[in-house]
């Protein structure tokens, strides 16, 4: 797939323009956008850029990270701190994401989204208040392995790293997760599945196709 060189600022603007005219697949008033990528790819940075570009355009949005929906350590680490299968299938509370983030944005929903549920540092509930997203407001959800869960996204962006770049940019303590991303590539093919592909091997010089 051929990608075009671009700057991060320009990419944020182009994605915001696309999101601003996005029609939801279910006819609801809240577009839902995925920013998928391994932690080393920092998809959250692009989500924040798009949120700022939308703000300048007068369009409300809410950035939510899946790290706020990790399962409790007793569940997440049941088979050890470096169990690849658990990381791939069981670290993130997808049921809570559907209930607390996507559910309120269904047609007829109240638009009140829970921005996070669990603090992995304290291993306790965050008790964050619900955030009202007005009709027309955009959900910008970022995190790893997002495109394998059949979440109801209206636009998906995958921030891609080659295997070599992923290894170089992942801290050594996180290298045990790399087989999970290899499996994700084989089973989901996020670069082909996503609506927009961003290649970020060189973080200073991204390229995109979309």
Foldseek 3Di string as FASTA:
>chain_A
DDWAWDFLLVVLLVVLVVLLPFQAPQRFQEAEEEQAEAVLLPSVVSLVSNQVNNVVVVAAEDEAEQLLFFAFCCFLQVVHDLDQVSVLPPGGDVVCCCVAPVVQRHHVHQQFHDRGFADHVVSHGPPDGTDHADRRYYYYYYDYPPQVPPDRHSFYEYEDEDLVLVVVSDPPVPPSNSVSVVVSCVPPVCCVVGPKYWYCSPVRIIIIDD
